[in-house]
Amino acid sequence: MGCSSCGKNIFTEKIGKCKDCIYLSAVTSVLFWTLWCFSVQMFGETIGHFAKHIFLFLALFVNLLFIAHILTYLNDRRQIKNETEKNNTSL
């Protein structure tokens, strides 16, 4: 990735910092849920249970990554807002 947050080595310092990564995980989450629904409805029993479970697990894990991005982003915004309010009241 091109931003300074994505260039860091520690995963916890990366997550929730880059809006491009948040958008990418949202789009990927929707894509994998769509693939899973499509594979279940269109192929039915012709596609193996293994492939259905792979799509399901990919969708779940990408969705968990997206939720982690959103929660971290909201927590960081809340901390910045609290620090700004504290600095404004001390002036």
N, C-alpha and C. Protein backbone atom coordinates (compact mmCIF):
# COMPACT_ATOMS: atom_id res chain seq x y z
N MET A 1 0.84 -1.19 0.00
CA MET A 1 0.00 0.00 0.00
C MET A 1 0.88 1.25 0.00
N GLY A 2 0.30 2.34 -0.35
CA GLY A 2 1.09 3.55 -0.54
C GLY A 2 1.16 4.48 0.65
N CYS A 3 0.31 4.31 1.65
CA CYS A 3 0.32 5.28 2.75
C CYS A 3 1.32 4.87 3.84
N SER A 4 1.61 5.80 4.74
CA SER A 4 2.61 5.53 5.78
C SER A 4 2.09 4.53 6.81
N SER A 5 0.78 4.49 7.05
CA SER A 5 0.22 3.54 8.01
C SER A 5 0.35 2.11 7.52
N CYS A 6 0.19 1.91 6.21
CA CYS A 6 0.26 0.55 5.65
C CYS A 6 1.69 0.05 5.54
N GLY A 7 2.66 0.93 5.60
CA GLY A 7 4.05 0.53 5.49
C GLY A 7 4.65 0.02 6.79
N LYS A 8 3.92 0.15 7.90
CA LYS A 8 4.43 -0.32 9.18
C LYS A 8 4.42 -1.83 9.25
N ASN A 9 5.26 -2.39 10.10
CA ASN A 9 5.38 -3.84 10.20
C ASN A 9 4.41 -4.46 11.20
N ILE A 10 3.99 -3.72 12.18
CA ILE A 10 3.14 -4.28 13.24
C ILE A 10 1.68 -4.17 12.82
N PHE A 11 0.97 -5.31 12.84
CA PHE A 11 -0.41 -5.38 12.37
C PHE A 11 -1.32 -4.44 13.15
N THR A 12 -1.13 -4.34 14.46
CA THR A 12 -2.02 -3.51 15.27
C THR A 12 -1.82 -2.02 15.00
N GLU A 13 -0.69 -1.64 14.46
CA GLU A 13 -0.48 -0.24 14.10
C GLU A 13 -1.05 0.08 12.73
N LYS A 14 -1.31 -0.94 11.92
CA LYS A 14 -1.84 -0.73 10.58
C LYS A 14 -3.36 -0.64 10.56
N ILE A 15 -4.00 -1.50 11.33
CA ILE A 15 -5.44 -1.70 11.19
C ILE A 15 -6.22 -0.45 11.61
N GLY A 16 -7.16 -0.06 10.77
CA GLY A 16 -8.02 1.07 11.05
C GLY A 16 -7.44 2.43 10.75
N LYS A 17 -6.24 2.49 10.22
CA LYS A 17 -5.58 3.78 9.99
C LYS A 17 -5.78 4.30 8.57
N CYS A 18 -5.97 3.41 7.62
CA CYS A 18 -6.02 3.79 6.21
C CYS A 18 -7.44 3.60 5.68
N LYS A 19 -8.04 4.67 5.17
CA LYS A 19 -9.40 4.56 4.65
C LYS A 19 -9.44 3.71 3.39
N ASP A 20 -8.38 3.71 2.60
CA ASP A 20 -8.35 2.86 1.41
C ASP A 20 -8.43 1.38 1.80
N CYS A 21 -7.74 1.00 2.86
CA CYS A 21 -7.79 -0.38 3.33
C CYS A 21 -9.18 -0.73 3.87
N ILE A 22 -9.83 0.23 4.52
CA ILE A 22 -11.18 0.00 5.03
C ILE A 22 -12.13 -0.21 3.86
N TYR A 23 -12.03 0.63 2.84
CA TYR A 23 -12.88 0.48 1.66
C TYR A 23 -12.61 -0.84 0.95
N LEU A 24 -11.34 -1.20 0.84
CA LEU A 24 -10.98 -2.45 0.19
C LEU A 24 -11.54 -3.65 0.94
N SER A 25 -11.47 -3.64 2.26
CA SER A 25 -12.01 -4.76 3.03
C SER A 25 -13.53 -4.80 2.94
N ALA A 26 -14.19 -3.64 2.83
CA ALA A 26 -15.65 -3.62 2.67
C ALA A 26 -16.05 -4.22 1.33
N VAL A 27 -15.37 -3.81 0.27
CA VAL A 27 -15.68 -4.34 -1.06
C VAL A 27 -15.39 -5.83 -1.13
N THR A 28 -14.29 -6.26 -0.55
CA THR A 28 -13.93 -7.67 -0.55
C THR A 28 -14.94 -8.49 0.25
N SER A 29 -15.42 -7.94 1.35
CA SER A 29 -16.43 -8.62 2.15
C SER A 29 -17.71 -8.84 1.35
N VAL A 30 -18.17 -7.80 0.69
CA VAL A 30 -19.37 -7.92 -0.13
C VAL A 30 -19.15 -8.91 -1.27
N LEU A 31 -17.98 -8.87 -1.88
CA LEU A 31 -17.67 -9.79 -2.98
C LEU A 31 -17.71 -11.24 -2.53
N PHE A 32 -17.10 -11.56 -1.39
CA PHE A 32 -17.08 -12.94 -0.94
C PHE A 32 -18.46 -13.42 -0.49
N TRP A 33 -19.27 -12.55 0.14
CA TRP A 33 -20.63 -12.95 0.50
C TRP A 33 -21.45 -13.21 -0.75
N THR A 34 -21.24 -12.38 -1.79
CA THR A 34 -21.94 -12.59 -3.06
C THR A 34 -21.51 -13.91 -3.70
N LEU A 35 -20.22 -14.19 -3.69
CA LEU A 35 -19.74 -15.46 -4.24
C LEU A 35 -20.31 -16.65 -3.49
N TRP A 36 -20.40 -16.54 -2.19
CA TRP A 36 -20.94 -17.64 -1.40
C TRP A 36 -22.42 -17.86 -1.73
N CYS A 37 -23.19 -16.78 -1.75
CA CYS A 37 -24.62 -16.90 -2.08
C CYS A 37 -24.81 -17.45 -3.49
N PHE A 38 -24.01 -16.96 -4.42
CA PHE A 38 -24.09 -17.43 -5.80
C PHE A 38 -23.76 -18.91 -5.90
N SER A 39 -22.73 -19.34 -5.20
CA SER A 39 -22.33 -20.75 -5.27
C SER A 39 -23.39 -21.66 -4.65
N VAL A 40 -24.04 -21.20 -3.61
CA VAL A 40 -25.07 -22.02 -2.96
C VAL A 40 -26.33 -22.08 -3.82
N GLN A 41 -26.76 -20.94 -4.36
CA GLN A 41 -28.02 -20.91 -5.10
C GLN A 41 -27.90 -21.45 -6.52
N MET A 42 -26.83 -21.12 -7.20
CA MET A 42 -26.73 -21.50 -8.60
C MET A 42 -26.24 -22.93 -8.81
N PHE A 43 -25.30 -23.35 -7.98
CA PHE A 43 -24.72 -24.66 -8.20
C PHE A 43 -25.36 -25.75 -7.36
N GLY A 44 -25.96 -25.36 -6.26
CA GLY A 44 -26.64 -26.33 -5.41
C GLY A 44 -25.73 -27.45 -4.98
N GLU A 45 -26.08 -28.66 -5.37
CA GLU A 45 -25.32 -29.83 -4.96
C GLU A 45 -24.18 -30.18 -5.92
N THR A 46 -24.12 -29.54 -7.09
CA THR A 46 -23.05 -29.88 -8.03
C THR A 46 -21.70 -29.40 -7.55
N ILE A 47 -21.67 -28.26 -6.84
CA ILE A 47 -20.42 -27.80 -6.24
C ILE A 47 -20.28 -28.52 -4.90
N GLY A 48 -19.10 -28.94 -4.60
CA GLY A 48 -18.89 -29.71 -3.39
C GLY A 48 -19.09 -28.91 -2.10
N HIS A 49 -19.30 -29.63 -1.03
CA HIS A 49 -19.44 -28.97 0.27
C HIS A 49 -18.15 -28.24 0.64
N PHE A 50 -17.03 -28.77 0.20
CA PHE A 50 -15.75 -28.15 0.50
C PHE A 50 -15.68 -26.74 -0.08
N ALA A 51 -16.08 -26.57 -1.34
CA ALA A 51 -16.03 -25.25 -1.97
C ALA A 51 -16.99 -24.28 -1.31
N LYS A 52 -18.18 -24.75 -0.93
CA LYS A 52 -19.14 -23.89 -0.23
C LYS A 52 -18.55 -23.41 1.09
N HIS A 53 -17.89 -24.33 1.80
CA HIS A 53 -17.30 -23.96 3.09
C HIS A 53 -16.12 -23.01 2.92
N ILE A 54 -15.37 -23.17 1.85
CA ILE A 54 -14.26 -22.25 1.59
C ILE A 54 -14.78 -20.84 1.38
N PHE A 55 -15.82 -20.69 0.53
CA PHE A 55 -16.40 -19.37 0.31
C PHE A 55 -16.98 -18.80 1.61
N LEU A 56 -17.61 -19.64 2.40
CA LEU A 56 -18.19 -19.19 3.67
C LEU A 56 -17.10 -18.71 4.62
N PHE A 57 -16.03 -19.48 4.78
CA PHE A 57 -14.95 -19.08 5.67
C PHE A 57 -14.24 -17.82 5.18
N LEU A 58 -14.03 -17.72 3.87
CA LEU A 58 -13.42 -16.49 3.34
C LEU A 58 -14.30 -15.29 3.63
N ALA A 59 -15.60 -15.43 3.42
CA ALA A 59 -16.51 -14.33 3.69
C ALA A 59 -16.50 -13.95 5.17
N LEU A 60 -16.50 -14.94 6.04
CA LEU A 60 -16.49 -14.66 7.48
C LEU A 60 -15.20 -13.96 7.92
N PHE A 61 -14.07 -14.46 7.45
CA PHE A 61 -12.79 -13.89 7.87
C PHE A 61 -12.58 -12.48 7.31
N VAL A 62 -12.97 -12.26 6.07
CA VAL A 62 -12.86 -10.91 5.51
C VAL A 62 -13.81 -9.97 6.23
N ASN A 63 -14.99 -10.46 6.58
CA ASN A 63 -15.94 -9.64 7.32
C ASN A 63 -15.40 -9.31 8.71
N LEU A 64 -14.75 -10.25 9.36
CA LEU A 64 -14.14 -9.96 10.67
C LEU A 64 -13.02 -8.93 10.54
N LEU A 65 -12.25 -9.00 9.46
CA LEU A 65 -11.22 -8.01 9.22
C LEU A 65 -11.83 -6.62 9.02
N PHE A 66 -12.92 -6.56 8.28
CA PHE A 66 -13.62 -5.30 8.07
C PHE A 66 -14.15 -4.73 9.39
N ILE A 67 -14.73 -5.59 10.21
CA ILE A 67 -15.24 -5.15 11.52
C ILE A 67 -14.09 -4.65 12.40
N ALA A 68 -12.96 -5.33 12.36
CA ALA A 68 -11.80 -4.88 13.15
C ALA A 68 -11.33 -3.51 12.67
N HIS A 69 -11.31 -3.30 11.35
CA HIS A 69 -10.93 -1.99 10.81
C HIS A 69 -11.89 -0.91 11.30
N ILE A 70 -13.17 -1.17 11.22
CA ILE A 70 -14.17 -0.17 11.60
C ILE A 70 -14.10 0.14 13.10
N LEU A 71 -14.01 -0.89 13.93
CA LEU A 71 -13.96 -0.66 15.38
C LEU A 71 -12.71 0.12 15.78
N THR A 72 -11.58 -0.23 15.18
CA THR A 72 -10.33 0.49 15.49
C THR A 72 -10.41 1.93 15.01
N TYR A 73 -10.95 2.14 13.82
CA TYR A 73 -11.09 3.49 13.27
C TYR A 73 -11.99 4.34 14.16
N LEU A 74 -13.13 3.79 14.59
CA LEU A 74 -14.04 4.54 15.46
C LEU A 74 -13.42 4.82 16.82
N ASN A 75 -12.67 3.86 17.35
CA ASN A 75 -12.00 4.07 18.64
C ASN A 75 -10.95 5.17 18.53
N ASP A 76 -10.17 5.17 17.44
CA ASP A 76 -9.16 6.21 17.24
C ASP A 76 -9.81 7.58 17.11
N ARG A 77 -10.91 7.65 16.39
CA ARG A 77 -11.62 8.94 16.25
C ARG A 77 -12.14 9.43 17.60
N ARG A 78 -12.65 8.49 18.41
CA ARG A 78 -13.17 8.86 19.74
C ARG A 78 -12.04 9.39 20.62
N GLN A 79 -10.88 8.74 20.56
CA GLN A 79 -9.74 9.20 21.35
C GLN A 79 -9.27 10.57 20.91
N ILE A 80 -9.22 10.81 19.61
CA ILE A 80 -8.81 12.12 19.09
C ILE A 80 -9.81 13.18 19.52
N LYS A 81 -11.11 12.86 19.47
CA LYS A 81 -12.13 13.82 19.88
C LYS A 81 -12.00 14.15 21.37
N ASN A 82 -11.76 13.13 22.20
CA ASN A 82 -11.61 13.36 23.64
C ASN A 82 -10.37 14.21 23.94
N GLU A 83 -9.26 13.95 23.22
CA GLU A 83 -8.05 14.74 23.43
C GLU A 83 -8.26 16.18 22.99
N THR A 84 -8.97 16.38 21.90
CA THR A 84 -9.25 17.74 21.42
C THR A 84 -10.12 18.48 22.40
N GLU A 85 -11.14 17.83 22.93
CA GLU A 85 -12.01 18.47 23.91
C GLU A 85 -11.25 18.79 25.20
N LYS A 86 -10.34 17.89 25.61
CA LYS A 86 -9.56 18.13 26.81
C LYS A 86 -8.63 19.33 26.61
N ASN A 87 -8.01 19.41 25.43
CA ASN A 87 -7.13 20.54 25.13
C ASN A 87 -7.90 21.85 25.03
N ASN A 88 -9.11 21.81 24.50
CA ASN A 88 -9.92 23.02 24.39
C ASN A 88 -10.40 23.51 25.74
N THR A 89 -10.71 22.61 26.66
CA THR A 89 -11.17 23.02 27.98
C THR A 89 -10.03 23.52 28.85
N SER A 90 -8.80 23.08 28.60
CA SER A 90 -7.66 23.54 29.40
C SER A 90 -7.19 24.92 28.96
N LEU A 91 -7.60 25.37 27.78
CA LEU A 91 -7.20 26.69 27.30
C LEU A 91 -8.07 27.69 27.96
